[in-house]
Amino acid sequence: MSGYHTGSLYLRDPQGLISQFYHYPPNRNEIFPQPGDTDWKFHTATKTLPVGSAPGTWGLFEMNVTDRAENFKTHDFTETITFSVLE
């Protein structure tokens, strides 16, 4: 078994609250990878923050990536990546 299964992103809003979002690629529930699933590629995920989200500077503080064999890697971005939400 091989291939990307799940990504999770943890965002910290300007008030210090944490929100978690997931990224699920196509074919993630297949037991064995489909042709092309094991090829190296970039995955892009776009998440729209809910209405009423706090304006200001948000930060990506952690990202977890899991493969089909349930191996995982945690990346810590505390105080490294930020973005702004305008009112």
C-alpha atoms as a PDB file:
ATOM      1  CA  MET A   1       0.000   0.000   0.000  1.00  0.00           C
ATOM      2  CA  SER A   2       1.234   3.409  -0.848  1.00  0.00           C
ATOM      3  CA  GLY A   3      -0.001   6.856  -1.699  1.00  0.00           C
ATOM      4  CA  TYR A   4      -1.340  10.000  -0.097  1.00  0.00           C
ATOM      5  CA  HIS A   5      -4.449   9.404   2.025  1.00  0.00           C
ATOM      6  CA  THR A   6      -5.294  12.469   4.128  1.00  0.00           C
ATOM      7  CA  GLY A   7      -4.005  15.918   4.948  1.00  0.00           C
ATOM      8  CA  SER A   8      -5.077  17.985   7.937  1.00  0.00           C
ATOM      9  CA  LEU A   9      -4.379  21.662   8.499  1.00  0.00           C
ATOM     10  CA  TYR A  10      -4.570  23.469  11.817  1.00  0.00           C
ATOM     11  CA  LEU A  11      -5.164  27.216  11.596  1.00  0.00           C
ATOM     12  CA  ARG A  12      -4.889  29.707  14.453  1.00  0.00           C
ATOM     13  CA  ASP A  13      -7.120  32.775  14.168  1.00  0.00           C
ATOM     14  CA  PRO A  14      -6.211  36.256  15.483  1.00  0.00           C
ATOM     15  CA  GLN A  15      -7.989  35.463  18.766  1.00  0.00           C
ATOM     16  CA  GLY A  16      -5.887  32.334  19.314  1.00  0.00           C
ATOM     17  CA  LEU A  17      -8.659  29.831  18.515  1.00  0.00           C
ATOM     18  CA  ILE A  18      -7.722  26.705  16.559  1.00  0.00           C
ATOM     19  CA  SER A  19      -9.638  25.371  13.541  1.00  0.00           C
ATOM     20  CA  GLN A  20      -8.902  22.077  11.801  1.00  0.00           C
ATOM     21  CA  PHE A  21      -9.563  21.422   8.126  1.00  0.00           C
ATOM     22  CA  TYR A  22      -9.043  18.226   6.129  1.00  0.00           C
ATOM     23  CA  HIS A  23      -7.959  17.538   2.553  1.00  0.00           C
ATOM     24  CA  TYR A  24      -9.072  14.267   0.962  1.00  0.00           C
ATOM     25  CA  PRO A  25      -7.651  13.291  -2.444  1.00  0.00           C
ATOM     26  CA  PRO A  26      -9.632  11.274  -4.992  1.00  0.00           C
ATOM     27  CA  ASN A  27      -9.433   7.460  -4.590  1.00  0.00           C
ATOM     28  CA  ARG A  28      -8.341   7.745  -0.952  1.00  0.00           C
ATOM     29  CA  ASN A  29     -10.713   4.968   0.145  1.00  0.00           C
ATOM     30  CA  GLU A  30      -9.337   2.410  -2.298  1.00  0.00           C
ATOM     31  CA  ILE A  31      -7.368  -0.291  -0.468  1.00  0.00           C
ATOM     32  CA  PHE A  32      -4.731  -0.441  -3.184  1.00  0.00           C
ATOM     33  CA  PRO A  33      -3.556   2.540  -5.194  1.00  0.00           C
ATOM     34  CA  GLN A  34      -5.005   3.057  -8.641  1.00  0.00           C
ATOM     35  CA  PRO A  35      -2.731   3.657 -11.648  1.00  0.00           C
ATOM     36  CA  GLY A  36      -1.025   7.013 -11.174  1.00  0.00           C
ATOM     37  CA  ASP A  37      -1.796   7.258  -7.434  1.00  0.00           C
ATOM     38  CA  THR A  38       1.815   6.501  -6.493  1.00  0.00           C
ATOM     39  CA  ASP A  39       3.293   9.106  -8.849  1.00  0.00           C
ATOM     40  CA  TRP A  40       4.836  12.139  -7.146  1.00  0.00           C
ATOM     41  CA  LYS A  41       2.575  15.164  -7.528  1.00  0.00           C
ATOM     42  CA  PHE A  42       1.570  18.363  -5.812  1.00  0.00           C
ATOM     43  CA  HIS A  43      -1.787  18.551  -4.055  1.00  0.00           C
ATOM     44  CA  THR A  44      -3.505  21.892  -3.705  1.00  0.00           C
ATOM     45  CA  ALA A  45      -6.326  22.466  -1.246  1.00  0.00           C
ATOM     46  CA  THR A  46      -8.445  25.595  -1.003  1.00  0.00           C
ATOM     47  CA  LYS A  47     -10.573  26.221   2.057  1.00  0.00           C
ATOM     48  CA  THR A  48     -13.004  29.109   2.411  1.00  0.00           C
ATOM     49  CA  LEU A  49     -13.278  30.318   5.980  1.00  0.00           C
ATOM     50  CA  PRO A  50     -16.819  30.394   7.371  1.00  0.00           C
ATOM     51  CA  VAL A  51     -18.836  33.611   7.388  1.00  0.00           C
ATOM     52  CA  GLY A  52     -18.094  35.503  10.589  1.00  0.00           C
ATOM     53  CA  SER A  53     -14.478  34.321  10.823  1.00  0.00           C
ATOM     54  CA  ALA A  54     -12.292  36.726  12.758  1.00  0.00           C
ATOM     55  CA  PRO A  55     -10.638  39.371  10.569  1.00  0.00           C
ATOM     56  CA  GLY A  56      -6.907  39.843  10.910  1.00  0.00           C
ATOM     57  CA  THR A  57      -3.820  37.698  10.567  1.00  0.00           C
ATOM     58  CA  TRP A  58      -4.311  33.934  10.685  1.00  0.00           C
ATOM     59  CA  GLY A  59      -1.547  31.357  10.820  1.00  0.00           C
ATOM     60  CA  LEU A  60      -1.001  27.811   9.647  1.00  0.00           C
ATOM     61  CA  PHE A  61       0.645  26.283  12.676  1.00  0.00           C
ATOM     62  CA  GLU A  62       0.533  22.555  11.902  1.00  0.00           C
ATOM     63  CA  MET A  63      -0.026  20.234   8.961  1.00  0.00           C
ATOM     64  CA  ASN A  64      -0.271  16.441   9.085  1.00  0.00           C
ATOM     65  CA  VAL A  65       0.068  14.154   6.069  1.00  0.00           C
ATOM     66  CA  THR A  66      -0.943  10.469   6.196  1.00  0.00           C
ATOM     67  CA  ASP A  67      -0.451   7.741   3.588  1.00  0.00           C
ATOM     68  CA  ARG A  68      -2.534   4.621   2.923  1.00  0.00           C
ATOM     69  CA  ALA A  69      -0.334   2.523   5.231  1.00  0.00           C
ATOM     70  CA  GLU A  70      -1.097   5.033   8.027  1.00  0.00           C
ATOM     71  CA  ASN A  71       2.434   6.398   8.124  1.00  0.00           C
ATOM     72  CA  PHE A  72       2.251  10.075   8.974  1.00  0.00           C
ATOM     73  CA  LYS A  73       4.392  13.170   9.155  1.00  0.00           C
ATOM     74  CA  THR A  74       3.636  16.252  11.236  1.00  0.00           C
ATOM     75  CA  HIS A  75       5.001  19.617  10.119  1.00  0.00           C
ATOM     76  CA  ASP A  76       5.097  22.462  12.655  1.00  0.00           C
ATOM     77  CA  PHE A  77       4.766  25.960  11.188  1.00  0.00           C
ATOM     78  CA  THR A  78       4.160  27.871  14.424  1.00  0.00           C
ATOM     79  CA  GLU A  79       4.796  31.565  13.735  1.00  0.00           C
ATOM     80  CA  THR A  80       6.125  30.777  10.247  1.00  0.00           C
ATOM     81  CA  ILE A  81       3.165  31.029   7.853  1.00  0.00           C
ATOM     82  CA  THR A  82       0.483  33.705   8.235  1.00  0.00           C
ATOM     83  CA  PHE A  83      -2.235  35.219   6.038  1.00  0.00           C
ATOM     84  CA  SER A  84      -4.700  38.067   6.505  1.00  0.00           C
ATOM     85  CA  VAL A  85      -8.495  38.031   6.392  1.00  0.00           C
ATOM     86  CA  LEU A  86      -9.986  41.376   5.422  1.00  0.00           C
ATOM     87  CA  GLU A  87     -13.299  42.597   6.815  1.00  0.00           C
END
